[in-house]
């Protein structure tokens, strides 16, 4: 394979990996909230992730949902 095509292939792979990483859902960084119970936090987070997966919105729907549940999100 000529060097030119090898370079283009490497650039395409790097671009695809960057795009996939950028689209991956992230959990919000919670600094405090309405409860300190880890089980309740996990239930709220799971509910928000499920709601975000079933809806289309701009921005971070999980973060917005966690704020609506009373959590302080960075």
PDB file of N, CA and C in Angstrom:
ATOM      1  N   UNK A   1       0.859  -1.168   0.000  1.00  0.00           N
ATOM      2  CA  UNK A   1       0.000   0.000   0.000  1.00  0.00           C
ATOM      3  C   UNK A   1       0.910   1.238   0.000  1.00  0.00           C
ATOM      4  N   UNK A   2       0.703   2.145  -0.938  1.00  0.00           N
ATOM      5  CA  UNK A   2       1.530   3.355  -0.981  1.00  0.00           C
ATOM      6  C   UNK A   2       1.355   4.184   0.299  1.00  0.00           C
ATOM      7  N   UNK A   3       2.358   4.953   0.593  1.00  0.00           N
ATOM      8  CA  UNK A   3       2.364   5.759   1.812  1.00  0.00           C
ATOM      9  C   UNK A   3       1.190   6.726   1.856  1.00  0.00           C
ATOM     10  N   UNK A   4       0.822   7.287   0.719  1.00  0.00           N
ATOM     11  CA  UNK A   4      -0.285   8.256   0.676  1.00  0.00           C
ATOM     12  C   UNK A   4      -1.594   7.621   1.150  1.00  0.00           C
ATOM     13  N   UNK A   5      -1.889   6.426   0.665  1.00  0.00           N
ATOM     14  CA  UNK A   5      -3.129   5.755   1.052  1.00  0.00           C
ATOM     15  C   UNK A   5      -3.087   5.282   2.500  1.00  0.00           C
ATOM     16  N   UNK A   6      -1.916   4.891   2.952  1.00  0.00           N
ATOM     17  CA  UNK A   6      -1.767   4.475   4.342  1.00  0.00           C
ATOM     18  C   UNK A   6      -2.029   5.658   5.264  1.00  0.00           C
ATOM     19  N   UNK A   7      -1.531   6.826   4.914  1.00  0.00           N
ATOM     20  CA  UNK A   7      -1.761   8.034   5.714  1.00  0.00           C
ATOM     21  C   UNK A   7      -3.241   8.387   5.745  1.00  0.00           C
ATOM     22  N   UNK A   8      -3.906   8.313   4.599  1.00  0.00           N
ATOM     23  CA  UNK A   8      -5.336   8.600   4.547  1.00  0.00           C
ATOM     24  C   UNK A   8      -6.131   7.601   5.385  1.00  0.00           C
ATOM     25  N   UNK A   9      -5.736   6.356   5.368  1.00  0.00           N
ATOM     26  CA  UNK A   9      -6.414   5.335   6.164  1.00  0.00           C
ATOM     27  C   UNK A   9      -6.262   5.617   7.651  1.00  0.00           C
ATOM     28  N   UNK A  10      -5.060   5.968   8.076  1.00  0.00           N
ATOM     29  CA  UNK A  10      -4.813   6.273   9.476  1.00  0.00           C
ATOM     30  C   UNK A  10      -5.623   7.489   9.909  1.00  0.00           C
ATOM     31  N   UNK A  11      -5.665   8.515   9.087  1.00  0.00           N
ATOM     32  CA  UNK A  11      -6.432   9.717   9.405  1.00  0.00           C
ATOM     33  C   UNK A  11      -7.925   9.391   9.492  1.00  0.00           C
ATOM     34  N   UNK A  12      -8.409   8.563   8.591  1.00  0.00           N
ATOM     35  CA  UNK A  12      -9.823   8.181   8.610  1.00  0.00           C
ATOM     36  C   UNK A  12     -10.163   7.380   9.868  1.00  0.00           C
ATOM     37  N   UNK A  13      -9.285   6.498  10.275  1.00  0.00           N
ATOM     38  CA  UNK A  13      -9.523   5.704  11.489  1.00  0.00           C
ATOM     39  C   UNK A  13      -9.521   6.597  12.717  1.00  0.00           C
ATOM     40  N   UNK A  14      -8.588   7.519  12.793  1.00  0.00           N
ATOM     41  CA  UNK A  14      -8.524   8.440  13.925  1.00  0.00           C
ATOM     42  C   UNK A  14      -9.770   9.317  13.975  1.00  0.00           C
ATOM     43  N   UNK A  15     -10.214   9.806  12.836  1.00  0.00           N
ATOM     44  CA  UNK A  15     -11.419  10.642  12.787  1.00  0.00           C
ATOM     45  C   UNK A  15     -12.650   9.848  13.218  1.00  0.00           C
ATOM     46  N   UNK A  16     -12.745   8.598  12.787  1.00  0.00           N
ATOM     47  CA  UNK A  16     -13.889   7.766  13.167  1.00  0.00           C
ATOM     48  C   UNK A  16     -13.884   7.489  14.671  1.00  0.00           C
ATOM     49  N   UNK A  17     -12.727   7.217  15.223  1.00  0.00           N
ATOM     50  CA  UNK A  17     -12.637   6.978  16.676  1.00  0.00           C
ATOM     51  C   UNK A  17     -13.004   8.233  17.457  1.00  0.00           C
ATOM     52  N   UNK A  18     -12.558   9.385  16.998  1.00  0.00           N
ATOM     53  CA  UNK A  18     -12.889  10.636  17.679  1.00  0.00           C
ATOM     54  C   UNK A  18     -14.391  10.908  17.621  1.00  0.00           C
ATOM     55  N   UNK A  19     -14.998  10.640  16.487  1.00  0.00           N
ATOM     56  CA  UNK A  19     -16.434  10.862  16.349  1.00  0.00           C
ATOM     57  C   UNK A  19     -17.225   9.915  17.251  1.00  0.00           C
ATOM     58  N   UNK A  20     -16.823   8.672  17.323  1.00  0.00           N
ATOM     59  CA  UNK A  20     -17.520   7.709  18.182  1.00  0.00           C
ATOM     60  C   UNK A  20     -17.354   8.048  19.658  1.00  0.00           C
ATOM     61  N   UNK A  21     -16.188   8.511  20.033  1.00  0.00           N
ATOM     62  CA  UNK A  21     -15.945   8.894  21.421  1.00  0.00           C
ATOM     63  C   UNK A  21     -16.777  10.116  21.793  1.00  0.00           C
ATOM     64  N   UNK A  22     -16.894  11.064  20.893  1.00  0.00           N
ATOM     65  CA  UNK A  22     -17.663  12.279  21.163  1.00  0.00           C
ATOM     66  C   UNK A  22     -19.154  11.980  21.308  1.00  0.00           C
ATOM     67  N   UNK A  23     -19.629  10.950  20.625  1.00  0.00           N
ATOM     68  CA  UNK A  23     -21.052  10.613  20.672  1.00  0.00           C
ATOM     69  C   UNK A  23     -21.422   9.706  21.829  1.00  0.00           C
ATOM     70  N   UNK A  24     -20.442   9.171  22.520  1.00  0.00           N
ATOM     71  CA  UNK A  24     -20.727   8.252  23.620  1.00  0.00           C
ATOM     72  C   UNK A  24     -21.392   8.986  24.778  1.00  0.00           C
ATOM     73  N   UNK A  25     -22.428   8.398  25.338  1.00  0.00           N
ATOM     74  CA  UNK A  25     -23.089   9.057  26.478  1.00  0.00           C
ATOM     75  C   UNK A  25     -22.187   9.064  27.697  1.00  0.00           C
ATOM     76  N   UNK A  26     -22.240  10.140  28.420  1.00  0.00           N
ATOM     77  CA  UNK A  26     -21.447  10.254  29.638  1.00  0.00           C
ATOM     78  C   UNK A  26     -22.375  10.430  30.821  1.00  0.00           C
ATOM     79  N   UNK A  27     -21.938   9.933  31.950  1.00  0.00           N
ATOM     80  CA  UNK A  27     -22.691  10.162  33.167  1.00  0.00           C
ATOM     81  C   UNK A  27     -22.345  11.552  33.679  1.00  0.00           C
ATOM     82  N   UNK A  28     -23.321  12.263  34.190  1.00  0.00           N
ATOM     83  CA  UNK A  28     -23.039  13.607  34.691  1.00  0.00           C
ATOM     84  C   UNK A  28     -22.180  13.546  35.947  1.00  0.00           C
ATOM     85  N   UNK A  29     -21.384  14.588  36.156  1.00  0.00           N
ATOM     86  CA  UNK A  29     -20.566  14.680  37.358  1.00  0.00           C
ATOM     87  C   UNK A  29     -21.375  15.415  38.418  1.00  0.00           C
ATOM     88  N   UNK A  30     -21.915  14.673  39.338  1.00  0.00           N
ATOM     89  CA  UNK A  30     -22.776  15.219  40.381  1.00  0.00           C
ATOM     90  C   UNK A  30     -21.912  15.610  41.567  1.00  0.00           C
ATOM     91  N   UNK A  31     -22.092  16.837  42.056  1.00  0.00           N
ATOM     92  CA  UNK A  31     -21.324  17.311  43.202  1.00  0.00           C
ATOM     93  C   UNK A  31     -22.167  17.365  44.466  1.00  0.00           C
ATOM     94  N   UNK A  32     -23.428  17.167  44.373  1.00  0.00           N
ATOM     95  CA  UNK A  32     -24.306  17.181  45.539  1.00  0.00           C
ATOM     96  C   UNK A  32     -25.730  17.052  45.070  1.00  0.00           C
ATOM     97  N   UNK A  33     -26.603  16.791  46.014  1.00  0.00           N
ATOM     98  CA  UNK A  33     -27.971  16.657  45.575  1.00  0.00           C
ATOM     99  C   UNK A  33     -28.935  16.499  46.719  1.00  0.00           C
ATOM    100  N   UNK A  34     -30.108  16.068  46.357  1.00  0.00           N
ATOM    101  CA  UNK A  34     -31.183  15.990  47.323  1.00  0.00           C
ATOM    102  C   UNK A  34     -30.991  14.823  48.286  1.00  0.00           C
ATOM    103  N   UNK A  35     -30.202  13.861  47.917  1.00  0.00           N
ATOM    104  CA  UNK A  35     -30.043  12.690  48.767  1.00  0.00           C
ATOM    105  C   UNK A  35     -28.597  12.221  48.760  1.00  0.00           C
ATOM    106  N   UNK A  36     -28.210  11.566  49.815  1.00  0.00           N
ATOM    107  CA  UNK A  36     -26.875  10.979  49.851  1.00  0.00           C
ATOM    108  C   UNK A  36     -26.961   9.468  49.722  1.00  0.00           C
ATOM    109  N   UNK A  37     -28.164   8.944  49.527  1.00  0.00           N
ATOM    110  CA  UNK A  37     -28.377   7.514  49.383  1.00  0.00           C
ATOM    111  C   UNK A  37     -27.908   7.059  48.003  1.00  0.00           C
ATOM    112  N   UNK A  38     -26.862   6.238  47.939  1.00  0.00           N
ATOM    113  CA  UNK A  38     -26.351   5.800  46.632  1.00  0.00           C
ATOM    114  C   UNK A  38     -27.379   5.022  45.815  1.00  0.00           C
ATOM    115  N   UNK A  39     -28.232   4.259  46.479  1.00  0.00           N
ATOM    116  CA  UNK A  39     -29.242   3.494  45.750  1.00  0.00           C
ATOM    117  C   UNK A  39     -30.231   4.425  45.048  1.00  0.00           C
ATOM    118  N   UNK A  40     -30.646   5.496  45.725  1.00  0.00           N
ATOM    119  CA  UNK A  40     -31.567   6.460  45.113  1.00  0.00           C
ATOM    120  C   UNK A  40     -30.893   7.182  43.956  1.00  0.00           C
ATOM    121  N   UNK A  41     -29.631   7.557  44.152  1.00  0.00           N
ATOM    122  CA  UNK A  41     -28.878   8.216  43.077  1.00  0.00           C
ATOM    123  C   UNK A  41     -28.808   7.304  41.856  1.00  0.00           C
ATOM    124  N   UNK A  42     -28.500   6.027  42.072  1.00  0.00           N
ATOM    125  CA  UNK A  42     -28.413   5.090  40.947  1.00  0.00           C
ATOM    126  C   UNK A  42     -29.757   4.913  40.255  1.00  0.00           C
ATOM    127  N   UNK A  43     -30.849   4.894  41.016  1.00  0.00           N
ATOM    128  CA  UNK A  43     -32.187   4.800  40.396  1.00  0.00           C
ATOM    129  C   UNK A  43     -32.482   6.049  39.573  1.00  0.00           C
ATOM    130  N   UNK A  44     -32.168   7.225  40.133  1.00  0.00           N
ATOM    131  CA  UNK A  44     -32.403   8.476  39.401  1.00  0.00           C
ATOM    132  C   UNK A  44     -31.557   8.526  38.128  1.00  0.00           C
ATOM    133  N   UNK A  45     -30.292   8.131  38.238  1.00  0.00           N
ATOM    134  CA  UNK A  45     -29.405   8.146  37.077  1.00  0.00           C
ATOM    135  C   UNK A  45     -29.900   7.193  36.006  1.00  0.00           C
ATOM    136  N   UNK A  46     -30.304   5.985  36.407  1.00  0.00           N
ATOM    137  CA  UNK A  46     -30.822   5.008  35.441  1.00  0.00           C
ATOM    138  C   UNK A  46     -32.084   5.526  34.761  1.00  0.00           C
ATOM    139  N   UNK A  47     -32.964   6.147  35.532  1.00  0.00           N
ATOM    140  CA  UNK A  47     -34.194   6.697  34.952  1.00  0.00           C
ATOM    141  C   UNK A  47     -33.874   7.806  33.955  1.00  0.00           C
ATOM    142  N   UNK A  48     -32.923   8.656  34.303  1.00  0.00           N
ATOM    143  CA  UNK A  48     -32.546   9.754  33.402  1.00  0.00           C
ATOM    144  C   UNK A  48     -31.880   9.235  32.137  1.00  0.00           C
ATOM    145  N   UNK A  49     -31.039   8.210  32.277  1.00  0.00           N
ATOM    146  CA  UNK A  49     -30.391   7.632  31.097  1.00  0.00           C
ATOM    147  C   UNK A  49     -31.413   6.962  30.195  1.00  0.00           C
ATOM    148  N   UNK A  50     -32.387   6.302  30.785  1.00  0.00           N
ATOM    149  CA  UNK A  50     -33.435   5.664  29.989  1.00  0.00           C
ATOM    150  C   UNK A  50     -34.280   6.717  29.278  1.00  0.00           C
ATOM    151  N   UNK A  51     -34.608   7.796  29.990  1.00  0.00           N
ATOM    152  CA  UNK A  51     -35.397   8.873  29.388  1.00  0.00           C
ATOM    153  C   UNK A  51     -34.619   9.528  28.249  1.00  0.00           C
ATOM    154  N   UNK A  52     -33.323   9.738  28.445  1.00  0.00           N
ATOM    155  CA  UNK A  52     -32.497  10.376  27.412  1.00  0.00           C
ATOM    156  C   UNK A  52     -32.359   9.477  26.183  1.00  0.00           C
ATOM    157  N   UNK A  53     -32.298   8.166  26.402  1.00  0.00           N
ATOM    158  CA  UNK A  53     -32.168   7.233  25.289  1.00  0.00           C
ATOM    159  C   UNK A  53     -33.433   7.180  24.443  1.00  0.00           C
ATOM    160  N   UNK A  54     -34.573   7.448  25.066  1.00  0.00           N
ATOM    161  CA  UNK A  54     -35.834   7.351  24.335  1.00  0.00           C
ATOM    162  C   UNK A  54     -36.313   8.683  23.775  1.00  0.00           C
ATOM    163  N   UNK A  55     -35.506   9.726  23.952  1.00  0.00           N
ATOM    164  CA  UNK A  55     -35.911  11.028  23.426  1.00  0.00           C
ATOM    165  C   UNK A  55     -34.760  11.664  22.669  1.00  0.00           C
ATOM    166  N   UNK A  56     -35.087  12.620  21.842  1.00  0.00           N
ATOM    167  CA  UNK A  56     -34.078  13.349  21.084  1.00  0.00           C
ATOM    168  C   UNK A  56     -34.057  14.785  21.583  1.00  0.00           C
ATOM    169  N   UNK A  57     -32.898  15.224  22.016  1.00  0.00           N
ATOM    170  CA  UNK A  57     -32.792  16.601  22.483  1.00  0.00           C
ATOM    171  C   UNK A  57     -31.385  17.108  22.233  1.00  0.00           C
ATOM    172  N   UNK A  58     -31.265  18.413  22.167  1.00  0.00           N
ATOM    173  CA  UNK A  58     -29.962  19.039  22.041  1.00  0.00           C
ATOM    174  C   UNK A  58     -29.387  19.222  23.434  1.00  0.00           C
ATOM    175  N   UNK A  59     -28.079  19.173  23.560  1.00  0.00           N
ATOM    176  CA  UNK A  59     -27.463  19.300  24.872  1.00  0.00           C
ATOM    177  C   UNK A  59     -27.385  17.936  25.535  1.00  0.00           C
ATOM    178  N   UNK A  60     -27.206  17.930  26.825  1.00  0.00           N
ATOM    179  CA  UNK A  60     -27.083  16.689  27.564  1.00  0.00           C
ATOM    180  C   UNK A  60     -28.370  16.437  28.340  1.00  0.00           C
ATOM    181  N   UNK A  61     -29.196  15.555  27.827  1.00  0.00           N
ATOM    182  CA  UNK A  61     -30.498  15.283  28.431  1.00  0.00           C
ATOM    183  C   UNK A  61     -30.354  14.642  29.807  1.00  0.00           C
ATOM    184  N   UNK A  62     -29.313  13.837  30.015  1.00  0.00           N
ATOM    185  CA  UNK A  62     -29.115  13.201  31.320  1.00  0.00           C
ATOM    186  C   UNK A  62     -28.813  14.261  32.375  1.00  0.00           C
ATOM    187  N   UNK A  63     -27.946  15.200  32.032  1.00  0.00           N
ATOM    188  CA  UNK A  63     -27.605  16.277  32.960  1.00  0.00           C
ATOM    189  C   UNK A  63     -28.836  17.102  33.302  1.00  0.00           C
ATOM    190  N   UNK A  64     -29.618  17.451  32.299  1.00  0.00           N
ATOM    191  CA  UNK A  64     -30.834  18.232  32.539  1.00  0.00           C
ATOM    192  C   UNK A  64     -31.805  17.475  33.443  1.00  0.00           C
ATOM    193  N   UNK A  65     -31.937  16.185  33.217  1.00  0.00           N
ATOM    194  CA  UNK A  65     -32.838  15.364  34.024  1.00  0.00           C
ATOM    195  C   UNK A  65     -32.345  15.272  35.472  1.00  0.00           C
ATOM    196  N   UNK A  66     -31.042  15.097  35.651  1.00  0.00           N
ATOM    197  CA  UNK A  66     -30.495  15.015  37.013  1.00  0.00           C
ATOM    198  C   UNK A  66     -30.693  16.337  37.753  1.00  0.00           C
ATOM    199  N   UNK A  67     -30.558  17.441  37.050  1.00  0.00           N
ATOM    200  CA  UNK A  67     -30.828  18.743  37.668  1.00  0.00           C
ATOM    201  C   UNK A  67     -32.302  18.838  38.072  1.00  0.00           C
ATOM    202  N   UNK A  68     -33.181  18.310  37.230  1.00  0.00           N
ATOM    203  CA  UNK A  68     -34.611  18.332  37.540  1.00  0.00           C
ATOM    204  C   UNK A  68     -34.931  17.491  38.782  1.00  0.00           C
ATOM    205  N   UNK A  69     -34.100  16.471  39.032  1.00  0.00           N
ATOM    206  CA  UNK A  69     -34.280  15.649  40.223  1.00  0.00           C
ATOM    207  C   UNK A  69     -33.640  16.275  41.452  1.00  0.00           C
ATOM    208  N   UNK A  70     -33.047  17.449  41.295  1.00  0.00           N
ATOM    209  CA  UNK A  70     -32.495  18.165  42.449  1.00  0.00           C
ATOM    210  C   UNK A  70     -31.009  18.012  42.669  1.00  0.00           C
ATOM    211  N   UNK A  71     -30.311  17.380  41.732  1.00  0.00           N
ATOM    212  CA  UNK A  71     -28.864  17.213  41.871  1.00  0.00           C
ATOM    213  C   UNK A  71     -28.131  18.429  41.318  1.00  0.00           C
ATOM    214  N   UNK A  72     -27.000  18.741  41.906  1.00  0.00           N
ATOM    215  CA  UNK A  72     -26.127  19.799  41.389  1.00  0.00           C
ATOM    216  C   UNK A  72     -25.114  19.124  40.470  1.00  0.00           C
ATOM    217  N   UNK A  73     -25.143  19.509  39.212  1.00  0.00           N
ATOM    218  CA  UNK A  73     -24.320  18.858  38.198  1.00  0.00           C
ATOM    219  C   UNK A  73     -23.319  19.854  37.640  1.00  0.00           C
ATOM    220  N   UNK A  74     -22.080  19.403  37.501  1.00  0.00           N
ATOM    221  CA  UNK A  74     -21.034  20.272  36.943  1.00  0.00           C
ATOM    222  C   UNK A  74     -21.166  20.339  35.444  1.00  0.00           C
TER     223      UNK A  74
END
